């Protein structure tokens, strides 16, 4: 999985590309921890290019959500592909994550 970051004022967009699986969870956790350390008040995970998510990836989403909440930051998810959206629905995680169809909607929701 490739991960890129881009800041927009107090919001950081973290773009995920590829497979969101166990072997990349620690890397993403380190990135989120660093963003919180830098006092980013908003984080958007752009998942429009995520092709696969496994159980560890799902656990990581919940960890990120909880970690952001504990540290007074907000997490938003953007651009879910239909197959990933379906997995979130089946696991009932869709109701636990603040989701947006478009990345621009997610970023604008912080203003």
PDB file of N, CA and C in Angstrom:
ATOM      1  N   UNK A   1       0.852  -1.173   0.000  1.00  0.00           N
ATOM      2  CA  UNK A   1       0.000   0.000   0.000  1.00  0.00           C
ATOM      3  C   UNK A   1       0.896   1.233   0.000  1.00  0.00           C
ATOM      4  N   UNK A   2       0.543   2.197  -0.800  1.00  0.00           N
ATOM      5  CA  UNK A   2       1.209   3.499  -0.796  1.00  0.00           C
ATOM      6  C   UNK A   2       0.378   4.445   0.065  1.00  0.00           C
ATOM      7  N   UNK A   3       1.073   5.317   0.790  1.00  0.00           N
ATOM      8  CA  UNK A   3       0.403   6.296   1.636  1.00  0.00           C
ATOM      9  C   UNK A   3       1.018   7.659   1.350  1.00  0.00           C
ATOM     10  N   UNK A   4       0.155   8.630   1.040  1.00  0.00           N
ATOM     11  CA  UNK A   4       0.599  10.006   0.830  1.00  0.00           C
ATOM     12  C   UNK A   4      -0.195  10.913   1.754  1.00  0.00           C
ATOM     13  N   UNK A   5       0.415  12.045   2.110  1.00  0.00           N
ATOM     14  CA  UNK A   5      -0.244  13.016   2.983  1.00  0.00           C
ATOM     15  C   UNK A   5      -0.236  14.391   2.342  1.00  0.00           C
ATOM     16  N   UNK A   6      -1.291  15.142   2.627  1.00  0.00           N
ATOM     17  CA  UNK A   6      -1.336  16.522   2.181  1.00  0.00           C
ATOM     18  C   UNK A   6      -2.124  17.327   3.210  1.00  0.00           C
ATOM     19  N   UNK A   7      -1.570  18.475   3.604  1.00  0.00           N
ATOM     20  CA  UNK A   7      -2.216  19.335   4.595  1.00  0.00           C
ATOM     21  C   UNK A   7      -3.043  20.420   3.911  1.00  0.00           C
ATOM     22  N   UNK A   8      -4.216  20.667   4.488  1.00  0.00           N
ATOM     23  CA  UNK A   8      -5.091  21.778   4.103  1.00  0.00           C
ATOM     24  C   UNK A   8      -5.460  22.482   5.399  1.00  0.00           C
ATOM     25  N   UNK A   9      -4.776  23.594   5.689  1.00  0.00           N
ATOM     26  CA  UNK A   9      -4.960  24.290   6.967  1.00  0.00           C
ATOM     27  C   UNK A   9      -4.747  23.302   8.109  1.00  0.00           C
ATOM     28  N   UNK A  10      -5.760  23.080   8.958  1.00  0.00           N
ATOM     29  CA  UNK A  10      -5.614  22.179  10.105  1.00  0.00           C
ATOM     30  C   UNK A  10      -6.013  20.736   9.785  1.00  0.00           C
ATOM     31  N   UNK A  11      -6.344  20.468   8.545  1.00  0.00           N
ATOM     32  CA  UNK A  11      -6.792  19.138   8.126  1.00  0.00           C
ATOM     33  C   UNK A  11      -5.692  18.466   7.311  1.00  0.00           C
ATOM     34  N   UNK A  12      -5.462  17.195   7.593  1.00  0.00           N
ATOM     35  CA  UNK A  12      -4.521  16.412   6.798  1.00  0.00           C
ATOM     36  C   UNK A  12      -5.273  15.307   6.086  1.00  0.00           C
ATOM     37  N   UNK A  13      -5.061  15.223   4.784  1.00  0.00           N
ATOM     38  CA  UNK A  13      -5.617  14.131   3.989  1.00  0.00           C
ATOM     39  C   UNK A  13      -4.540  13.063   3.868  1.00  0.00           C
ATOM     40  N   UNK A  14      -4.904  11.844   4.240  1.00  0.00           N
ATOM     41  CA  UNK A  14      -4.016  10.701   4.125  1.00  0.00           C
ATOM     42  C   UNK A  14      -4.594   9.809   3.033  1.00  0.00           C
ATOM     43  N   UNK A  15      -3.904   9.774   1.886  1.00  0.00           N
ATOM     44  CA  UNK A  15      -4.362   8.973   0.746  1.00  0.00           C
ATOM     45  C   UNK A  15      -3.795   7.568   0.844  1.00  0.00           C
ATOM     46  N   UNK A  16      -4.681   6.591   0.769  1.00  0.00           N
ATOM     47  CA  UNK A  16      -4.281   5.191   0.809  1.00  0.00           C
ATOM     48  C   UNK A  16      -4.482   4.592  -0.581  1.00  0.00           C
ATOM     49  N   UNK A  17      -3.465   3.905  -1.081  1.00  0.00           N
ATOM     50  CA  UNK A  17      -3.525   3.281  -2.409  1.00  0.00           C
ATOM     51  C   UNK A  17      -3.124   1.817  -2.294  1.00  0.00           C
ATOM     52  N   UNK A  18      -4.007   0.922  -2.701  1.00  0.00           N
ATOM     53  CA  UNK A  18      -3.664  -0.493  -2.725  1.00  0.00           C
ATOM     54  C   UNK A  18      -4.411  -1.290  -1.686  1.00  0.00           C
ATOM     55  N   UNK A  19      -3.715  -2.265  -1.112  1.00  0.00           N
ATOM     56  CA  UNK A  19      -4.322  -3.194  -0.169  1.00  0.00           C
ATOM     57  C   UNK A  19      -4.104  -2.741   1.269  1.00  0.00           C
ATOM     58  N   UNK A  20      -5.202  -2.529   1.988  1.00  0.00           N
ATOM     59  CA  UNK A  20      -5.171  -2.124   3.392  1.00  0.00           C
ATOM     60  C   UNK A  20      -5.194  -3.409   4.221  1.00  0.00           C
ATOM     61  N   UNK A  21      -4.007  -3.968   4.410  1.00  0.00           N
ATOM     62  CA  UNK A  21      -3.877  -5.265   5.072  1.00  0.00           C
ATOM     63  C   UNK A  21      -2.874  -5.170   6.218  1.00  0.00           C
ATOM     64  N   UNK A  22      -2.799  -6.246   6.976  1.00  0.00           N
ATOM     65  CA  UNK A  22      -2.013  -6.324   8.204  1.00  0.00           C
ATOM     66  C   UNK A  22      -0.609  -5.728   8.084  1.00  0.00           C
ATOM     67  N   UNK A  23       0.099  -6.048   7.032  1.00  0.00           N
ATOM     68  CA  UNK A  23       1.498  -5.629   6.944  1.00  0.00           C
ATOM     69  C   UNK A  23       1.689  -4.115   6.871  1.00  0.00           C
ATOM     70  N   UNK A  24       0.632  -3.352   6.579  1.00  0.00           N
ATOM     71  CA  UNK A  24       0.736  -1.890   6.478  1.00  0.00           C
ATOM     72  C   UNK A  24       0.108  -1.162   7.666  1.00  0.00           C
ATOM     73  N   UNK A  25      -0.526  -1.894   8.556  1.00  0.00           N
ATOM     74  CA  UNK A  25      -1.232  -1.252   9.670  1.00  0.00           C
ATOM     75  C   UNK A  25      -0.288  -0.491  10.602  1.00  0.00           C
ATOM     76  N   UNK A  26       0.858  -1.037  10.906  1.00  0.00           N
ATOM     77  CA  UNK A  26       1.811  -0.363  11.806  1.00  0.00           C
ATOM     78  C   UNK A  26       2.288   0.953  11.187  1.00  0.00           C
ATOM     79  N   UNK A  27       2.572   0.937   9.886  1.00  0.00           N
ATOM     80  CA  UNK A  27       2.987   2.159   9.199  1.00  0.00           C
ATOM     81  C   UNK A  27       1.909   3.228   9.301  1.00  0.00           C
ATOM     82  N   UNK A  28       0.668   2.855   9.030  1.00  0.00           N
ATOM     83  CA  UNK A  28      -0.424   3.826   9.106  1.00  0.00           C
ATOM     84  C   UNK A  28      -0.623   4.305  10.540  1.00  0.00           C
ATOM     85  N   UNK A  29      -0.498   3.420  11.497  1.00  0.00           N
ATOM     86  CA  UNK A  29      -0.620   3.810  12.899  1.00  0.00           C
ATOM     87  C   UNK A  29       0.447   4.831  13.273  1.00  0.00           C
ATOM     88  N   UNK A  30       1.659   4.623  12.806  1.00  0.00           N
ATOM     89  CA  UNK A  30       2.742   5.579  13.079  1.00  0.00           C
ATOM     90  C   UNK A  30       2.452   6.941  12.454  1.00  0.00           C
ATOM     91  N   UNK A  31       1.896   6.946  11.247  1.00  0.00           N
ATOM     92  CA  UNK A  31       1.552   8.203  10.570  1.00  0.00           C
ATOM     93  C   UNK A  31       0.471   8.949  11.347  1.00  0.00           C
ATOM     94  N   UNK A  32      -0.561   8.244  11.760  1.00  0.00           N
ATOM     95  CA  UNK A  32      -1.654   8.873  12.509  1.00  0.00           C
ATOM     96  C   UNK A  32      -1.142   9.397  13.852  1.00  0.00           C
ATOM     97  N   UNK A  33      -0.317   8.622  14.523  1.00  0.00           N
ATOM     98  CA  UNK A  33       0.261   9.058  15.799  1.00  0.00           C
ATOM     99  C   UNK A  33       1.054  10.351  15.620  1.00  0.00           C
ATOM    100  N   UNK A  34       1.821  10.433  14.553  1.00  0.00           N
ATOM    101  CA  UNK A  34       2.607  11.646  14.284  1.00  0.00           C
ATOM    102  C   UNK A  34       1.689  12.833  13.971  1.00  0.00           C
ATOM    103  N   UNK A  35       0.622  12.611  13.227  1.00  0.00           N
ATOM    104  CA  UNK A  35      -0.318  13.703  12.924  1.00  0.00           C
ATOM    105  C   UNK A  35      -0.958  14.237  14.209  1.00  0.00           C
ATOM    106  N   UNK A  36      -1.323  13.345  15.095  1.00  0.00           N
ATOM    107  CA  UNK A  36      -1.919  13.766  16.365  1.00  0.00           C
ATOM    108  C   UNK A  36      -0.872  14.506  17.204  1.00  0.00           C
ATOM    109  N   UNK A  37       0.355  14.017  17.196  1.00  0.00           N
ATOM    110  CA  UNK A  37       1.429  14.697  17.922  1.00  0.00           C
ATOM    111  C   UNK A  37       1.604  16.125  17.401  1.00  0.00           C
ATOM    112  N   UNK A  38       1.418  16.307  16.079  1.00  0.00           N
ATOM    113  CA  UNK A  38       1.523  17.639  15.466  1.00  0.00           C
ATOM    114  C   UNK A  38       0.249  18.457  15.668  1.00  0.00           C
ATOM    115  N   UNK A  39      -0.693  17.929  16.429  1.00  0.00           N
ATOM    116  CA  UNK A  39      -1.945  18.592  16.780  1.00  0.00           C
ATOM    117  C   UNK A  39      -2.815  18.908  15.568  1.00  0.00           C
ATOM    118  N   UNK A  40      -2.893  17.970  14.650  1.00  0.00           N
ATOM    119  CA  UNK A  40      -3.810  18.112  13.516  1.00  0.00           C
ATOM    120  C   UNK A  40      -5.224  17.902  14.045  1.00  0.00           C
ATOM    121  N   UNK A  41      -6.110  18.852  13.805  1.00  0.00           N
ATOM    122  CA  UNK A  41      -7.466  18.763  14.364  1.00  0.00           C
ATOM    123  C   UNK A  41      -8.404  17.939  13.502  1.00  0.00           C
ATOM    124  N   UNK A  42      -8.015  17.677  12.269  1.00  0.00           N
ATOM    125  CA  UNK A  42      -8.849  16.875  11.385  1.00  0.00           C
ATOM    126  C   UNK A  42      -8.004  15.986  10.500  1.00  0.00           C
ATOM    127  N   UNK A  43      -8.474  14.751  10.347  1.00  0.00           N
ATOM    128  CA  UNK A  43      -7.787  13.794   9.483  1.00  0.00           C
ATOM    129  C   UNK A  43      -8.828  13.165   8.569  1.00  0.00           C
ATOM    130  N   UNK A  44      -8.520  13.161   7.277  1.00  0.00           N
ATOM    131  CA  UNK A  44      -9.377  12.492   6.303  1.00  0.00           C
ATOM    132  C   UNK A  44      -8.589  11.336   5.713  1.00  0.00           C
ATOM    133  N   UNK A  45      -9.147  10.145   5.818  1.00  0.00           N
ATOM    134  CA  UNK A  45      -8.557   8.995   5.130  1.00  0.00           C
ATOM    135  C   UNK A  45      -9.234   8.897   3.767  1.00  0.00           C
ATOM    136  N   UNK A  46      -8.476   9.158   2.717  1.00  0.00           N
ATOM    137  CA  UNK A  46      -8.983   9.029   1.354  1.00  0.00           C
ATOM    138  C   UNK A  46      -8.765   7.581   0.926  1.00  0.00           C
ATOM    139  N   UNK A  47      -9.850   6.810   0.922  1.00  0.00           N
ATOM    140  CA  UNK A  47      -9.768   5.384   0.634  1.00  0.00           C
ATOM    141  C   UNK A  47     -10.270   5.041  -0.763  1.00  0.00           C
ATOM    142  N   UNK A  48     -10.317   6.026  -1.637  1.00  0.00           N
ATOM    143  CA  UNK A  48     -10.816   5.821  -2.987  1.00  0.00           C
ATOM    144  C   UNK A  48      -9.999   4.852  -3.818  1.00  0.00           C
ATOM    145  N   UNK A  49      -8.748   4.638  -3.441  1.00  0.00           N
ATOM    146  CA  UNK A  49      -7.881   3.729  -4.198  1.00  0.00           C
ATOM    147  C   UNK A  49      -7.552   2.453  -3.420  1.00  0.00           C
ATOM    148  N   UNK A  50      -8.303   2.197  -2.344  1.00  0.00           N
ATOM    149  CA  UNK A  50      -8.105   0.960  -1.584  1.00  0.00           C
ATOM    150  C   UNK A  50      -8.868  -0.155  -2.292  1.00  0.00           C
ATOM    151  N   UNK A  51      -8.152  -1.215  -2.624  1.00  0.00           N
ATOM    152  CA  UNK A  51      -8.754  -2.323  -3.379  1.00  0.00           C
ATOM    153  C   UNK A  51      -9.162  -3.496  -2.497  1.00  0.00           C
ATOM    154  N   UNK A  52      -8.480  -3.654  -1.361  1.00  0.00           N
ATOM    155  CA  UNK A  52      -8.733  -4.770  -0.445  1.00  0.00           C
ATOM    156  C   UNK A  52      -8.557  -4.268   0.979  1.00  0.00           C
ATOM    157  N   UNK A  53      -9.387  -4.776   1.885  1.00  0.00           N
ATOM    158  CA  UNK A  53      -9.186  -4.513   3.310  1.00  0.00           C
ATOM    159  C   UNK A  53      -9.401  -5.828   4.050  1.00  0.00           C
ATOM    160  N   UNK A  54      -8.485  -6.157   4.951  1.00  0.00           N
ATOM    161  CA  UNK A  54      -8.631  -7.386   5.726  1.00  0.00           C
ATOM    162  C   UNK A  54      -9.078  -7.044   7.145  1.00  0.00           C
ATOM    163  N   UNK A  55      -9.178  -8.050   7.995  1.00  0.00           N
ATOM    164  CA  UNK A  55      -9.668  -7.827   9.358  1.00  0.00           C
ATOM    165  C   UNK A  55      -8.761  -6.896  10.149  1.00  0.00           C
ATOM    166  N   UNK A  56      -7.462  -6.973   9.917  1.00  0.00           N
ATOM    167  CA  UNK A  56      -6.536  -6.065  10.610  1.00  0.00           C
ATOM    168  C   UNK A  56      -6.734  -4.630  10.127  1.00  0.00           C
ATOM    169  N   UNK A  57      -7.018  -4.462   8.847  1.00  0.00           N
ATOM    170  CA  UNK A  57      -7.316  -3.129   8.321  1.00  0.00           C
ATOM    171  C   UNK A  57      -8.575  -2.556   8.954  1.00  0.00           C
ATOM    172  N   UNK A  58      -9.583  -3.399   9.135  1.00  0.00           N
ATOM    173  CA  UNK A  58     -10.818  -2.960   9.792  1.00  0.00           C
ATOM    174  C   UNK A  58     -10.543  -2.570  11.242  1.00  0.00           C
ATOM    175  N   UNK A  59      -9.746  -3.389  11.933  1.00  0.00           N
ATOM    176  CA  UNK A  59      -9.368  -3.056  13.308  1.00  0.00           C
ATOM    177  C   UNK A  59      -8.610  -1.740  13.355  1.00  0.00           C
ATOM    178  N   UNK A  60      -7.744  -1.523  12.366  1.00  0.00           N
ATOM    179  CA  UNK A  60      -6.955  -0.293  12.315  1.00  0.00           C
ATOM    180  C   UNK A  60      -7.854   0.921  12.145  1.00  0.00           C
ATOM    181  N   UNK A  61      -8.898   0.813  11.335  1.00  0.00           N
ATOM    182  CA  UNK A  61      -9.842   1.923  11.177  1.00  0.00           C
ATOM    183  C   UNK A  61     -10.474   2.295  12.516  1.00  0.00           C
ATOM    184  N   UNK A  62     -10.866   1.290  13.278  1.00  0.00           N
ATOM    185  CA  UNK A  62     -11.456   1.561  14.588  1.00  0.00           C
ATOM    186  C   UNK A  62     -10.440   2.153  15.554  1.00  0.00           C
ATOM    187  N   UNK A  63      -9.203   1.658  15.504  1.00  0.00           N
ATOM    188  CA  UNK A  63      -8.162   2.215  16.361  1.00  0.00           C
ATOM    189  C   UNK A  63      -7.938   3.687  16.025  1.00  0.00           C
ATOM    190  N   UNK A  64      -7.855   4.001  14.730  1.00  0.00           N
ATOM    191  CA  UNK A  64      -7.643   5.393  14.302  1.00  0.00           C
ATOM    192  C   UNK A  64      -8.795   6.267  14.782  1.00  0.00           C
ATOM    193  N   UNK A  65     -10.029   5.783  14.593  1.00  0.00           N
ATOM    194  CA  UNK A  65     -11.194   6.549  15.044  1.00  0.00           C
ATOM    195  C   UNK A  65     -11.096   6.841  16.543  1.00  0.00           C
ATOM    196  N   UNK A  66     -10.815   5.811  17.339  1.00  0.00           N
ATOM    197  CA  UNK A  66     -10.748   5.980  18.789  1.00  0.00           C
ATOM    198  C   UNK A  66      -9.577   6.866  19.208  1.00  0.00           C
ATOM    199  N   UNK A  67      -8.428   6.682  18.569  1.00  0.00           N
ATOM    200  CA  UNK A  67      -7.244   7.475  18.899  1.00  0.00           C
ATOM    201  C   UNK A  67      -7.481   8.951  18.586  1.00  0.00           C
ATOM    202  N   UNK A  68      -8.096   9.221  17.460  1.00  0.00           N
ATOM    203  CA  UNK A  68      -8.420  10.614  17.115  1.00  0.00           C
ATOM    204  C   UNK A  68      -9.367  11.201  18.152  1.00  0.00           C
ATOM    205  N   UNK A  69     -10.404  10.463  18.497  1.00  0.00           N
ATOM    206  CA  UNK A  69     -11.387  10.947  19.475  1.00  0.00           C
ATOM    207  C   UNK A  69     -10.725  11.234  20.823  1.00  0.00           C
ATOM    208  N   UNK A  70      -9.878  10.322  21.279  1.00  0.00           N
ATOM    209  CA  UNK A  70      -9.193  10.492  22.561  1.00  0.00           C
ATOM    210  C   UNK A  70      -8.288  11.726  22.573  1.00  0.00           C
ATOM    211  N   UNK A  71      -7.818  12.116  21.401  1.00  0.00           N
ATOM    212  CA  UNK A  71      -6.873  13.230  21.302  1.00  0.00           C
ATOM    213  C   UNK A  71      -7.492  14.481  20.688  1.00  0.00           C
ATOM    214  N   UNK A  72      -8.818  14.564  20.761  1.00  0.00           N
ATOM    215  CA  UNK A  72      -9.566  15.749  20.320  1.00  0.00           C
ATOM    216  C   UNK A  72      -9.321  16.112  18.856  1.00  0.00           C
ATOM    217  N   UNK A  73      -9.235  15.092  18.038  1.00  0.00           N
ATOM    218  CA  UNK A  73      -9.129  15.272  16.597  1.00  0.00           C
ATOM    219  C   UNK A  73     -10.316  14.550  15.968  1.00  0.00           C
ATOM    220  N   UNK A  74     -10.683  14.946  14.759  1.00  0.00           N
ATOM    221  CA  UNK A  74     -11.799  14.299  14.075  1.00  0.00           C
ATOM    222  C   UNK A  74     -11.283  13.479  12.911  1.00  0.00           C
ATOM    223  N   UNK A  75     -11.921  12.331  12.692  1.00  0.00           N
ATOM    224  CA  UNK A  75     -11.587  11.457  11.574  1.00  0.00           C
ATOM    225  C   UNK A  75     -12.769  11.379  10.630  1.00  0.00           C
ATOM    226  N   UNK A  76     -12.479  11.502   9.347  1.00  0.00           N
ATOM    227  CA  UNK A  76     -13.496  11.333   8.314  1.00  0.00           C
ATOM    228  C   UNK A  76     -12.922  10.393   7.268  1.00  0.00           C
ATOM    229  N   UNK A  77     -13.791   9.599   6.669  1.00  0.00           N
ATOM    230  CA  UNK A  77     -13.412   8.644   5.628  1.00  0.00           C
ATOM    231  C   UNK A  77     -14.030   9.129   4.323  1.00  0.00           C
ATOM    232  N   UNK A  78     -13.256   9.092   3.243  1.00  0.00           N
ATOM    233  CA  UNK A  78     -13.769   9.574   1.961  1.00  0.00           C
ATOM    234  C   UNK A  78     -13.490   8.577   0.842  1.00  0.00           C
ATOM    235  N   UNK A  79     -14.402   8.591  -0.145  1.00  0.00           N
ATOM    236  CA  UNK A  79     -14.177   7.909  -1.413  1.00  0.00           C
ATOM    237  C   UNK A  79     -14.188   6.400  -1.398  1.00  0.00           C
ATOM    238  N   UNK A  80     -14.968   5.797  -0.536  1.00  0.00           N
ATOM    239  CA  UNK A  80     -14.970   4.335  -0.461  1.00  0.00           C
ATOM    240  C   UNK A  80     -15.481   3.708  -1.763  1.00  0.00           C
ATOM    241  N   UNK A  81     -14.741   2.730  -2.259  1.00  0.00           N
ATOM    242  CA  UNK A  81     -15.193   1.944  -3.405  1.00  0.00           C
ATOM    243  C   UNK A  81     -16.326   1.031  -2.936  1.00  0.00           C
ATOM    244  N   UNK A  82     -17.155   0.598  -3.873  1.00  0.00           N
ATOM    245  CA  UNK A  82     -18.330  -0.201  -3.519  1.00  0.00           C
ATOM    246  C   UNK A  82     -17.994  -1.466  -2.742  1.00  0.00           C
ATOM    247  N   UNK A  83     -16.918  -2.160  -3.136  1.00  0.00           N
ATOM    248  CA  UNK A  83     -16.586  -3.403  -2.430  1.00  0.00           C
ATOM    249  C   UNK A  83     -16.150  -3.143  -0.989  1.00  0.00           C
ATOM    250  N   UNK A  84     -15.424  -2.063  -0.762  1.00  0.00           N
ATOM    251  CA  UNK A  84     -15.003  -1.716   0.597  1.00  0.00           C
ATOM    252  C   UNK A  84     -16.206  -1.232   1.403  1.00  0.00           C
ATOM    253  N   UNK A  85     -17.054  -0.448   0.772  1.00  0.00           N
ATOM    254  CA  UNK A  85     -18.268   0.042   1.425  1.00  0.00           C
ATOM    255  C   UNK A  85     -19.132  -1.137   1.880  1.00  0.00           C
ATOM    256  N   UNK A  86     -19.238  -2.157   1.032  1.00  0.00           N
ATOM    257  CA  UNK A  86     -20.029  -3.348   1.352  1.00  0.00           C
ATOM    258  C   UNK A  86     -19.446  -4.089   2.567  1.00  0.00           C
ATOM    259  N   UNK A  87     -18.121  -4.185   2.631  1.00  0.00           N
ATOM    260  CA  UNK A  87     -17.469  -4.833   3.774  1.00  0.00           C
ATOM    261  C   UNK A  87     -17.784  -4.070   5.059  1.00  0.00           C
ATOM    262  N   UNK A  88     -17.738  -2.750   5.000  1.00  0.00           N
ATOM    263  CA  UNK A  88     -18.056  -1.944   6.184  1.00  0.00           C
ATOM    264  C   UNK A  88     -19.518  -2.129   6.597  1.00  0.00           C
ATOM    265  N   UNK A  89     -20.404  -2.261   5.612  1.00  0.00           N
ATOM    266  CA  UNK A  89     -21.816  -2.487   5.918  1.00  0.00           C
ATOM    267  C   UNK A  89     -22.025  -3.853   6.571  1.00  0.00           C
ATOM    268  N   UNK A  90     -21.429  -4.881   5.997  1.00  0.00           N
ATOM    269  CA  UNK A  90     -21.589  -6.243   6.520  1.00  0.00           C
ATOM    270  C   UNK A  90     -21.055  -6.359   7.945  1.00  0.00           C
ATOM    271  N   UNK A  91     -19.944  -5.688   8.211  1.00  0.00           N
ATOM    272  CA  UNK A  91     -19.342  -5.733   9.552  1.00  0.00           C
ATOM    273  C   UNK A  91     -19.952  -4.697  10.492  1.00  0.00           C
ATOM    274  N   UNK A  92     -20.869  -3.910   9.971  1.00  0.00           N
ATOM    275  CA  UNK A  92     -21.560  -2.845  10.712  1.00  0.00           C
ATOM    276  C   UNK A  92     -20.634  -1.731  11.182  1.00  0.00           C
ATOM    277  N   UNK A  93     -19.502  -1.615  10.525  1.00  0.00           N
ATOM    278  CA  UNK A  93     -18.590  -0.527  10.855  1.00  0.00           C
ATOM    279  C   UNK A  93     -18.990   0.771  10.158  1.00  0.00           C
ATOM    280  N   UNK A  94     -19.838   0.672   9.143  1.00  0.00           N
ATOM    281  CA  UNK A  94     -20.253   1.873   8.417  1.00  0.00           C
ATOM    282  C   UNK A  94     -20.915   2.890   9.338  1.00  0.00           C
ATOM    283  N   UNK A  95     -21.644   2.413  10.334  1.00  0.00           N
ATOM    284  CA  UNK A  95     -22.325   3.330  11.248  1.00  0.00           C
ATOM    285  C   UNK A  95     -21.374   3.916  12.298  1.00  0.00           C
ATOM    286  N   UNK A  96     -20.171   3.392  12.380  1.00  0.00           N
ATOM    287  CA  UNK A  96     -19.203   3.853  13.374  1.00  0.00           C
ATOM    288  C   UNK A  96     -18.177   4.835  12.802  1.00  0.00           C
ATOM    289  N   UNK A  97     -18.256   5.064  11.481  1.00  0.00           N
ATOM    290  CA  UNK A  97     -17.288   5.934  10.811  1.00  0.00           C
ATOM    291  C   UNK A  97     -18.014   7.053  10.090  1.00  0.00           C
ATOM    292  N   UNK A  98     -17.456   8.241  10.153  1.00  0.00           N
ATOM    293  CA  UNK A  98     -18.017   9.410   9.479  1.00  0.00           C
ATOM    294  C   UNK A  98     -17.538   9.370   8.025  1.00  0.00           C
ATOM    295  N   UNK A  99     -18.448   9.018   7.101  1.00  0.00           N
ATOM    296  CA  UNK A  99     -18.075   8.772   5.707  1.00  0.00           C
ATOM    297  C   UNK A  99     -18.614   9.851   4.763  1.00  0.00           C
ATOM    298  N   UNK A 100     -17.830  10.102   3.729  1.00  0.00           N
ATOM    299  CA  UNK A 100     -18.208  11.036   2.677  1.00  0.00           C
ATOM    300  C   UNK A 100     -17.913  10.402   1.333  1.00  0.00           C
ATOM    301  N   UNK A 101     -18.790  10.639   0.383  1.00  0.00           N
ATOM    302  CA  UNK A 101     -18.603  10.075  -0.946  1.00  0.00           C
ATOM    303  C   UNK A 101     -17.387  10.689  -1.640  1.00  0.00           C
ATOM    304  N   UNK A 102     -17.260  12.001  -1.524  1.00  0.00           N
ATOM    305  CA  UNK A 102     -16.170  12.728  -2.198  1.00  0.00           C
ATOM    306  C   UNK A 102     -15.163  13.265  -1.176  1.00  0.00           C
ATOM    307  N   UNK A 103     -13.914  13.277  -1.566  1.00  0.00           N
ATOM    308  CA  UNK A 103     -12.857  13.828  -0.721  1.00  0.00           C
ATOM    309  C   UNK A 103     -13.107  15.290  -0.416  1.00  0.00           C
ATOM    310  N   UNK A 104     -13.511  16.055  -1.407  1.00  0.00           N
ATOM    311  CA  UNK A 104     -13.741  17.492  -1.196  1.00  0.00           C
ATOM    312  C   UNK A 104     -14.835  17.729  -0.151  1.00  0.00           C
ATOM    313  N   UNK A 105     -15.872  16.890  -0.135  1.00  0.00           N
ATOM    314  CA  UNK A 105     -16.930  17.018   0.873  1.00  0.00           C
ATOM    315  C   UNK A 105     -16.376  16.788   2.263  1.00  0.00           C
ATOM    316  N   UNK A 106     -15.530  15.794   2.404  1.00  0.00           N
ATOM    317  CA  UNK A 106     -14.948  15.482   3.711  1.00  0.00           C
ATOM    318  C   UNK A 106     -14.080  16.623   4.212  1.00  0.00           C
ATOM    319  N   UNK A 107     -13.243  17.184   3.345  1.00  0.00           N
ATOM    320  CA  UNK A 107     -12.368  18.282   3.739  1.00  0.00           C
ATOM    321  C   UNK A 107     -13.198  19.515   4.104  1.00  0.00           C
ATOM    322  N   UNK A 108     -14.209  19.826   3.296  1.00  0.00           N
ATOM    323  CA  UNK A 108     -15.045  20.997   3.560  1.00  0.00           C
ATOM    324  C   UNK A 108     -15.864  20.858   4.833  1.00  0.00           C
ATOM    325  N   UNK A 109     -16.146  19.629   5.256  1.00  0.00           N
ATOM    326  CA  UNK A 109     -16.969  19.418   6.451  1.00  0.00           C
ATOM    327  C   UNK A 109     -16.296  19.929   7.719  1.00  0.00           C
ATOM    328  N   UNK A 110     -15.000  20.202   7.664  1.00  0.00           N
ATOM    329  CA  UNK A 110     -14.288  20.701   8.842  1.00  0.00           C
ATOM    330  C   UNK A 110     -14.444  22.209   9.007  1.00  0.00           C
ATOM    331  N   UNK A 111     -14.933  22.911   8.007  1.00  0.00           N
ATOM    332  CA  UNK A 111     -15.023  24.367   8.128  1.00  0.00           C
ATOM    333  C   UNK A 111     -16.313  24.806   8.770  1.00  0.00           C
TER     334      UNK A 111
END
